[in-house]
Amino acid sequence: MNIEKSGRAAALEEEVRAFVATHVYPAEAVFHQQLAAASTRWSIPPVMEELKLKARAAGLWNLFLPEHEKGAGLTNLEYAALCEIMGASPIAPEAFNCSAPDTGNMEVLARYGTKAQQDRWLTPLLAGEIRSCFAMTEPEVASSDATNISCTIRREGDEYVIDGRKWWTSGASDPRCKIAIVMGKTDPTGPKYLAQSMVLVPMDTKGVEVVRSLQVFGYDDAPHGHAEVVFRAVRVPVENVLLGEGRGFEIAQGRLGPGRIHHCMRLIGLAERALGLMCRRAEERIAFGKPLAEQGALRHDIARSRIEIDQARLLTLDAAHAMDTRGNKEAKKRIAMIKVVAPSMALGVIDRAIQVHGGAGVSQDFPLAYAWASARTLRLADGPDEVHLESIAKQELAEQRRSARS
């Protein structure tokens, strides 16, 4: 695998790293202070908009988008390094207009949207003027099997009528969220992978109700949040369908490949920050007459963390390279592998960092508790471990059978 970077990609990596160190890390405390002082948790801290203006002025904007005039034109492999740097801070991705679920939704609109859909929704998303959400998971069914999704999208004349209940719709609580991509069944009796469609639903449409914001291990992730949303007889024009009826699974596969790469690289960045905090704490704290860094068990934890981070990074870069050179479909097994490896790796490293910090590690004085909670959710988001392990096993067995026959 060739992981040499272009001159442009290498320069962007240094620029993003410097921006995060100079502007983002110092803004984290300000972000939380402003959010705590606001009249509601669902308001936007002014410092975030300041960061976005600075990043855009520096040309560090929409870096995730490979094939669009508003993007940076980077490959998945090149963008991976930038995504890792951003992932070290919970507020960094949005500062560069590179945060989920907007990245995936913008890629969907850029790849599958009509010109009218792009003009209305993609343009303001690329400008960072609005935000979006992706409504797929449902509380009443096992959504790890997307064929279970029960939300209905019924055509009546020139309109679709949408009825269903979704949850873990990340970003729906954000006051800037103006558009949802909703996945539901347009043909309940059709072939299971052609029964689903994706439809664009403006959040101010009659019948759309954000019921509540869900907490993750007690965190509300405000002002972004993760919402339960009900769609009651919601009517939108048939022109709001993406790509066409029955194309929902096709779109989902195109959306989730890059999204999983992004999640994994952000997790690696999070683990790197945790390891840095672990080492700093180990050098500073004295126990039983010597620094923690001189105690054997902890030194082994540091070594294991470095090994595991580098292993996960190399596996993720290999998947990104396969996507660039062979396509998302051919890279399917590698993508599934990293989606299993990266969250578990990050959880292990963060847990060790928490242990080194003692009581402080689970407090709000350090970012580790929130980092652990965030990483834990990614063993579920974009498919749970069990689904990816099953996919890997099926592909491996098929490859071994082919190899045995040849």
Protein backbone atom coordinates (compact mmCIF):
# COMPACT_ATOMS: atom_id res chain seq x y z
CA MET A 1 0.00 0.00 0.00
CA ASN A 2 1.39 3.38 -1.01
CA ILE A 3 0.57 5.94 1.70
CA GLU A 4 2.63 8.77 0.26
CA LYS A 5 0.69 12.04 0.34
CA SER A 6 0.41 14.64 -2.38
CA GLY A 7 1.95 18.00 -1.63
CA ARG A 8 -1.51 19.51 -1.22
CA ALA A 9 -2.61 16.80 1.21
CA ALA A 10 0.57 17.09 3.29
CA ALA A 11 0.18 20.87 3.48
CA LEU A 12 -3.45 20.57 4.55
CA GLU A 13 -2.49 18.10 7.26
CA GLU A 14 -0.06 20.59 8.78
CA GLU A 15 -2.56 23.44 8.45
CA VAL A 16 -5.36 21.47 10.11
CA ARG A 17 -3.05 20.31 12.91
CA ALA A 18 -1.94 23.88 13.58
CA PHE A 19 -5.51 25.20 13.46
CA VAL A 20 -6.75 22.62 15.96
CA ALA A 21 -3.86 23.33 18.35
CA THR A 22 -4.10 27.12 18.04
CA HIS A 23 -7.85 27.68 17.84
CA VAL A 24 -9.90 24.56 18.62
CA TYR A 25 -8.37 23.19 21.81
CA PRO A 26 -8.48 26.61 23.55
CA ALA A 27 -12.11 27.00 22.42
CA GLU A 28 -13.34 23.75 24.01
CA ALA A 29 -13.74 25.22 27.50
CA VAL A 30 -15.29 28.39 26.04
CA PHE A 31 -17.78 26.27 24.07
CA HIS A 32 -18.96 24.48 27.20
CA GLN A 33 -19.06 27.70 29.25
CA GLN A 34 -21.18 29.45 26.64
CA LEU A 35 -23.51 26.47 26.35
CA ALA A 36 -23.94 26.31 30.13
CA ALA A 37 -24.70 30.06 30.30
CA ALA A 38 -27.28 29.98 27.50
CA SER A 39 -31.02 30.03 28.21
CA THR A 40 -31.34 26.59 26.61
CA ARG A 41 -28.94 23.73 25.92
CA TRP A 42 -30.22 23.77 22.33
CA SER A 43 -28.55 27.01 21.32
CA ILE A 44 -25.32 27.50 19.40
CA PRO A 45 -22.29 28.78 21.34
CA PRO A 46 -20.96 31.85 19.50
CA VAL A 47 -17.42 30.46 19.61
CA MET A 48 -18.42 27.71 17.16
CA GLU A 49 -19.48 30.21 14.52
CA GLU A 50 -16.24 32.11 15.14
CA LEU A 51 -14.23 28.94 14.56
CA LYS A 52 -16.13 28.22 11.35
CA LEU A 53 -15.42 31.71 10.01
CA LYS A 54 -11.71 31.29 10.77
CA ALA A 55 -11.51 27.84 9.19
CA ARG A 56 -13.33 28.94 6.07
CA ALA A 57 -11.12 32.02 5.74
CA ALA A 58 -8.08 29.73 6.02
CA GLY A 59 -9.38 27.50 3.21
CA LEU A 60 -9.94 24.59 5.61
CA TRP A 61 -13.53 23.88 4.63
CA ASN A 62 -15.47 20.88 3.29
CA LEU A 63 -12.27 18.86 3.28
CA PHE A 64 -14.18 15.55 3.23
CA LEU A 65 -15.77 16.04 -0.19
CA PRO A 66 -13.67 14.40 -2.92
CA GLU A 67 -15.56 15.06 -6.14
CA HIS A 68 -17.18 18.47 -5.96
CA GLU A 69 -16.09 21.99 -6.78
CA LYS A 70 -16.69 23.00 -3.15
CA GLY A 71 -14.56 20.15 -1.76
CA ALA A 72 -10.82 19.70 -1.35
CA GLY A 73 -10.55 16.92 -3.93
CA LEU A 74 -8.75 14.57 -1.55
CA THR A 75 -8.81 10.79 -1.75
CA ASN A 76 -10.16 8.76 1.16
CA LEU A 77 -6.56 7.94 2.07
CA GLU A 78 -5.52 11.60 2.08
CA TYR A 79 -8.56 12.77 4.01
CA ALA A 80 -8.05 10.07 6.65
CA ALA A 81 -5.14 11.92 8.25
CA LEU A 82 -7.15 15.14 8.48
CA CYS A 83 -10.11 13.29 9.94
CA GLU A 84 -7.88 11.80 12.63
CA ILE A 85 -6.66 15.24 13.68
CA MET A 86 -10.21 16.58 13.85
CA GLY A 87 -11.39 13.55 15.81
CA ALA A 88 -9.22 14.44 18.79
CA SER A 89 -11.68 17.22 19.69
CA PRO A 90 -15.47 16.87 19.91
CA ILE A 91 -15.94 20.35 18.44
CA ALA A 92 -13.29 20.28 15.70
CA PRO A 93 -15.18 18.50 12.89
CA GLU A 94 -17.96 21.08 12.81
CA ALA A 95 -15.44 23.92 12.75
CA PHE A 96 -14.25 22.61 9.35
CA ASN A 97 -17.80 21.73 8.18
CA CYS A 98 -16.72 18.08 8.31
CA SER A 99 -19.02 16.65 10.98
CA ALA A 100 -21.48 13.79 10.87
CA PRO A 101 -24.20 13.36 9.78
CA ASP A 102 -23.79 16.36 7.48
CA THR A 103 -20.79 14.87 5.69
CA GLY A 104 -22.72 11.74 4.72
CA ASN A 105 -25.82 13.71 3.81
CA MET A 106 -23.84 16.14 1.66
CA GLU A 107 -22.18 13.24 -0.13
CA VAL A 108 -25.61 11.72 -0.79
CA LEU A 109 -26.93 14.97 -2.21
CA ALA A 110 -23.80 15.55 -4.28
CA ARG A 111 -23.87 12.02 -5.68
CA TYR A 112 -27.58 11.26 -5.98
CA GLY A 113 -29.48 14.53 -5.71
CA THR A 114 -31.13 16.38 -8.57
CA LYS A 115 -30.00 19.90 -9.40
CA ALA A 116 -33.10 21.30 -7.69
CA GLN A 117 -32.38 19.23 -4.55
CA GLN A 118 -28.76 20.32 -4.57
CA ASP A 119 -29.62 24.01 -5.03
CA ARG A 120 -32.10 23.95 -2.17
CA TRP A 121 -30.22 21.82 0.35
CA LEU A 122 -26.64 21.01 -0.65
CA THR A 123 -25.63 24.62 -1.29
CA PRO A 124 -26.51 25.90 2.23
CA LEU A 125 -25.06 22.75 3.81
CA LEU A 126 -21.76 23.29 2.01
CA ALA A 127 -21.81 26.89 3.19
CA GLY A 128 -22.35 25.79 6.80
CA GLU A 129 -25.56 27.83 6.98
CA ILE A 130 -27.82 24.93 7.97
CA ARG A 131 -27.46 21.42 9.35
CA SER A 132 -29.16 18.11 8.56
CA CYS A 133 -30.11 14.74 10.03
CA PHE A 134 -30.47 11.15 8.81
CA ALA A 135 -33.59 9.31 10.00
CA MET A 136 -33.16 5.56 9.66
CA THR A 137 -33.07 3.73 13.03
CA GLU A 138 -36.41 2.89 14.68
CA PRO A 139 -37.22 2.04 18.32
CA GLU A 140 -39.75 -0.70 17.61
CA VAL A 141 -37.62 -2.94 15.39
CA ALA A 142 -34.08 -4.33 15.33
CA SER A 143 -32.68 -1.74 12.96
CA SER A 144 -29.36 -3.56 12.63
CA ASP A 145 -31.38 -5.44 9.99
CA ALA A 146 -32.54 -2.53 7.86
CA THR A 147 -35.14 -4.69 6.12
CA ASN A 148 -37.08 -4.44 9.41
CA ILE A 149 -37.64 -0.71 9.03
CA SER A 150 -41.38 -0.10 9.24
CA CYS A 151 -41.71 3.63 8.44
CA THR A 152 -44.01 3.88 5.41
CA ILE A 153 -43.62 6.21 2.46
CA ARG A 154 -46.89 5.97 0.52
CA ARG A 155 -47.49 7.75 -2.76
CA GLU A 156 -50.71 9.69 -3.18
CA GLY A 157 -50.82 11.52 -6.48
CA ASP A 158 -47.93 13.98 -6.63
CA GLU A 159 -47.04 13.56 -2.96
CA TYR A 160 -45.53 11.03 -0.59
CA VAL A 161 -47.21 10.50 2.77
CA ILE A 162 -44.75 9.45 5.49
CA ASP A 163 -45.71 7.73 8.73
CA GLY A 164 -43.23 6.35 11.23
CA ARG A 165 -41.19 6.78 14.39
CA LYS A 166 -37.41 7.16 14.31
CA TRP A 167 -34.82 7.57 17.01
CA TRP A 168 -31.10 8.23 17.35
CA THR A 169 -31.66 10.79 14.62
CA SER A 170 -28.47 12.69 15.35
CA GLY A 171 -28.68 16.43 14.85
CA ALA A 172 -32.46 16.68 14.76
CA SER A 173 -32.47 18.67 18.02
CA ASP A 174 -30.11 21.30 16.60
CA PRO A 175 -32.02 24.54 15.85
CA ARG A 176 -30.07 24.81 12.59
CA CYS A 177 -31.29 21.39 11.37
CA LYS A 178 -33.51 22.15 8.39
CA ILE A 179 -33.59 18.92 6.37
CA ALA A 180 -33.90 15.21 7.13
CA ILE A 181 -33.12 12.28 4.87
CA VAL A 182 -35.78 9.73 5.83
CA MET A 183 -35.55 6.04 4.95
CA GLY A 184 -38.77 4.06 4.75
CA LYS A 185 -40.73 1.51 2.74
CA THR A 186 -42.32 2.55 -0.54
CA ASP A 187 -43.07 -1.05 -1.58
CA PRO A 188 -43.72 -3.25 1.49
CA THR A 189 -44.44 -6.31 -0.66
CA GLY A 190 -41.49 -5.94 -3.02
CA PRO A 191 -38.04 -7.57 -2.92
CA LYS A 192 -36.53 -6.79 0.48
CA TYR A 193 -33.61 -4.78 -0.89
CA LEU A 194 -35.83 -2.81 -3.27
CA ALA A 195 -38.60 -2.01 -0.80
CA GLN A 196 -36.90 1.02 0.77
CA SER A 197 -36.51 4.57 -0.48
CA MET A 198 -34.95 7.76 0.84
CA VAL A 199 -36.92 10.99 0.81
CA LEU A 200 -35.96 14.56 1.69
CA VAL A 201 -38.20 15.99 4.41
CA PRO A 202 -37.86 19.62 5.53
CA MET A 203 -37.96 19.70 9.34
CA ASP A 204 -40.66 22.38 9.37
CA THR A 205 -43.07 20.18 7.41
CA LYS A 206 -46.45 19.68 9.10
CA GLY A 207 -46.51 16.37 10.99
CA VAL A 208 -42.78 16.29 11.85
CA GLU A 209 -42.33 16.26 15.62
CA VAL A 210 -39.08 16.08 17.57
CA VAL A 211 -40.41 14.17 20.58
CA ARG A 212 -37.34 14.20 22.81
CA SER A 213 -33.57 14.28 22.87
CA LEU A 214 -31.89 11.05 23.96
CA GLN A 215 -28.93 10.93 26.31
CA VAL A 216 -25.79 8.85 25.79
CA PHE A 217 -24.53 7.60 29.17
CA GLY A 218 -26.05 10.75 30.65
CA TYR A 219 -24.63 13.14 28.03
CA ASP A 220 -27.09 15.10 25.89
CA ASP A 221 -24.53 16.05 23.21
CA ALA A 222 -26.15 19.49 23.01
CA PRO A 223 -26.65 21.46 20.90
CA HIS A 224 -26.39 18.65 18.34
CA GLY A 225 -28.20 15.89 20.18
CA HIS A 226 -29.80 12.60 19.19
CA ALA A 227 -33.56 12.79 18.83
CA GLU A 228 -36.64 10.65 18.70
CA VAL A 229 -38.71 11.97 15.81
CA VAL A 230 -42.26 11.12 14.81
CA PHE A 231 -43.58 11.53 11.26
CA ARG A 232 -47.40 11.69 11.23
CA ALA A 233 -49.01 11.89 7.79
CA VAL A 234 -46.09 14.04 6.61
CA ARG A 235 -46.59 15.13 3.01
CA VAL A 236 -43.76 16.04 0.64
CA PRO A 237 -43.65 16.32 -3.16
CA VAL A 238 -42.63 13.20 -5.09
CA GLU A 239 -39.71 15.27 -6.38
CA ASN A 240 -38.18 14.87 -2.91
CA VAL A 241 -37.29 11.21 -3.48
CA LEU A 242 -33.56 10.56 -3.82
CA LEU A 243 -32.46 8.68 -6.95
CA GLY A 244 -35.84 6.95 -7.30
CA GLU A 245 -38.18 4.57 -5.52
CA GLY A 246 -36.58 1.38 -4.28
CA ARG A 247 -33.05 2.82 -4.29
CA GLY A 248 -32.72 3.33 -0.52
CA PHE A 249 -30.35 0.42 0.13
CA GLU A 250 -28.20 1.41 -2.81
CA ILE A 251 -27.86 4.93 -1.44
CA ALA A 252 -27.20 3.62 2.08
CA GLN A 253 -24.29 1.50 0.88
CA GLY A 254 -22.80 4.46 -0.96
CA ARG A 255 -23.21 6.65 2.13
CA LEU A 256 -21.99 4.31 4.82
CA GLY A 257 -18.60 3.31 3.36
CA PRO A 258 -16.95 6.74 3.62
CA GLY A 259 -18.86 7.45 6.83
CA ARG A 260 -17.37 4.41 8.54
CA ILE A 261 -13.87 5.42 7.45
CA HIS A 262 -14.48 8.88 8.93
CA HIS A 263 -15.76 7.46 12.22
CA CYS A 264 -12.74 5.16 12.52
CA MET A 265 -10.20 7.89 11.83
CA ARG A 266 -11.89 10.22 14.31
CA LEU A 267 -11.69 7.41 16.88
CA ILE A 268 -7.97 7.03 16.22
CA GLY A 269 -7.56 10.77 16.84
CA LEU A 270 -9.52 10.43 20.07
CA ALA A 271 -7.29 7.53 21.16
CA GLU A 272 -4.15 9.53 20.34
CA ARG A 273 -5.34 12.37 22.54
CA ALA A 274 -6.13 9.94 25.36
CA LEU A 275 -2.65 8.42 25.08
CA GLY A 276 -1.10 11.89 25.23
CA LEU A 277 -3.07 12.68 28.37
CA MET A 278 -2.09 9.30 29.86
CA CYS A 279 1.62 9.94 29.30
CA ARG A 280 1.43 13.49 30.68
CA ARG A 281 -0.38 12.32 33.80
CA ALA A 282 2.10 9.47 34.26
CA GLU A 283 5.03 11.90 34.20
CA GLU A 284 3.41 14.38 36.61
CA ARG A 285 1.90 12.16 39.31
CA ILE A 286 3.96 10.66 42.13
CA ALA A 287 2.83 7.51 43.91
CA PHE A 288 4.81 5.37 46.34
CA GLY A 289 7.81 7.63 45.97
CA LYS A 290 8.19 7.69 42.19
CA PRO A 291 6.38 8.96 39.06
CA LEU A 292 3.69 6.69 37.68
CA ALA A 293 5.69 6.62 34.45
CA GLU A 294 8.40 4.61 36.22
CA GLN A 295 6.01 1.88 37.31
CA GLY A 296 6.06 -1.23 35.18
CA ALA A 297 2.35 -1.98 34.80
CA LEU A 298 1.61 1.52 33.53
CA ARG A 299 4.55 1.50 31.14
CA HIS A 300 3.11 -1.67 29.61
CA ASP A 301 -0.29 0.04 29.24
CA ILE A 302 1.40 2.89 27.36
CA ALA A 303 3.21 0.44 25.09
CA ARG A 304 0.04 -1.57 24.38
CA SER A 305 -1.85 1.60 23.60
CA ARG A 306 0.76 2.71 21.06
CA ILE A 307 0.74 -0.70 19.39
CA GLU A 308 -3.06 -0.87 19.21
CA ILE A 309 -3.45 2.67 17.85
CA ASP A 310 -0.90 2.08 15.11
CA GLN A 311 -2.44 -1.27 14.20
CA ALA A 312 -5.89 0.29 13.89
CA ARG A 313 -4.53 3.21 11.88
CA LEU A 314 -2.76 0.97 9.38
CA LEU A 315 -5.84 -1.20 8.95
CA THR A 316 -7.97 1.90 8.40
CA LEU A 317 -5.55 3.40 5.90
CA ASP A 318 -5.53 0.08 4.07
CA ALA A 319 -9.33 0.22 3.84
CA ALA A 320 -9.22 3.82 2.62
CA HIS A 321 -6.64 2.89 -0.01
CA ALA A 322 -8.80 -0.03 -1.17
CA MET A 323 -11.79 2.29 -1.51
CA ASP A 324 -9.73 4.68 -3.62
CA THR A 325 -8.20 2.05 -5.88
CA ARG A 326 -10.80 -0.73 -6.01
CA GLY A 327 -14.08 0.93 -5.04
CA ASN A 328 -16.32 0.76 -1.99
CA LYS A 329 -17.83 -2.60 -2.93
CA GLU A 330 -14.46 -4.33 -3.24
CA ALA A 331 -13.32 -2.71 0.01
CA LYS A 332 -16.39 -3.97 1.88
CA LYS A 333 -14.56 -6.52 4.05
CA ARG A 334 -11.83 -4.06 5.02
CA ILE A 335 -14.40 -1.42 5.94
CA ALA A 336 -16.23 -3.94 8.15
CA MET A 337 -12.95 -4.94 9.79
CA ILE A 338 -12.02 -1.41 10.79
CA LYS A 339 -15.52 -0.72 12.06
CA VAL A 340 -15.04 -3.58 14.53
CA VAL A 341 -11.44 -2.78 15.43
CA ALA A 342 -11.38 1.01 15.84
CA PRO A 343 -14.11 1.52 18.48
CA SER A 344 -12.83 -1.34 20.66
CA MET A 345 -9.26 -0.07 20.36
CA ALA A 346 -10.31 3.46 21.35
CA LEU A 347 -12.32 2.19 24.30
CA GLY A 348 -9.33 0.25 25.59
CA VAL A 349 -6.91 3.17 25.29
CA ILE A 350 -9.34 5.66 26.82
CA ASP A 351 -10.08 3.27 29.69
CA ARG A 352 -6.37 3.02 30.49
CA ALA A 353 -6.09 6.80 30.39
CA ILE A 354 -9.03 7.10 32.80
CA GLN A 355 -7.37 4.63 35.17
CA VAL A 356 -4.15 6.67 35.23
CA HIS A 357 -6.12 9.81 36.09
CA GLY A 358 -7.92 8.14 38.97
CA GLY A 359 -11.03 9.98 40.15
CA ALA A 360 -10.20 12.92 37.90
CA GLY A 361 -10.53 10.66 34.86
CA VAL A 362 -14.26 10.21 35.33
CA SER A 363 -14.90 13.88 36.14
CA GLN A 364 -15.64 16.82 33.88
CA ASP A 365 -12.14 18.19 34.47
CA PHE A 366 -10.78 15.96 31.72
CA PRO A 367 -12.34 14.97 28.37
CA LEU A 368 -11.88 11.24 28.97
CA ALA A 369 -15.28 10.24 30.35
CA TYR A 370 -17.08 11.92 27.46
CA ALA A 371 -14.58 10.43 25.01
CA TRP A 372 -15.30 6.93 26.36
CA ALA A 373 -19.06 7.44 26.06
CA SER A 374 -18.68 8.72 22.49
CA ALA A 375 -16.47 5.80 21.47
CA ARG A 376 -18.82 3.26 23.02
CA THR A 377 -21.73 4.41 20.87
CA LEU A 378 -19.72 3.66 17.75
CA ARG A 379 -19.84 -0.06 18.46
CA LEU A 380 -23.51 0.39 17.54
CA ALA A 381 -23.68 3.28 15.06
CA ASP A 382 -23.48 2.43 11.35
CA GLY A 383 -24.04 -1.22 12.17
CA PRO A 384 -23.21 -3.10 15.40
CA ASP A 385 -20.10 -5.25 15.76
CA GLU A 386 -22.09 -8.44 15.32
CA VAL A 387 -23.34 -7.45 11.85
CA HIS A 388 -19.84 -6.55 10.67
CA LEU A 389 -18.33 -9.74 12.12
CA GLU A 390 -20.94 -11.80 10.30
CA SER A 391 -20.19 -9.97 7.05
CA ILE A 392 -16.44 -10.52 7.46
CA ALA A 393 -16.92 -14.22 8.18
CA LYS A 394 -19.15 -14.74 5.14
CA GLN A 395 -16.67 -13.04 2.83
CA GLU A 396 -13.71 -14.88 4.32
CA LEU A 397 -15.40 -18.26 3.96
CA ALA A 398 -16.35 -17.49 0.35
CA GLU A 399 -12.77 -16.46 -0.45
CA GLN A 400 -11.38 -19.60 1.17
CA ARG A 401 -13.78 -21.78 -0.85
CA ARG A 402 -12.75 -20.07 -4.07
CA SER A 403 -9.11 -20.49 -3.15
CA ALA A 404 -9.61 -24.20 -2.43
CA ARG A 405 -11.24 -24.76 -5.82
CA SER A 406 -8.52 -22.97 -7.78
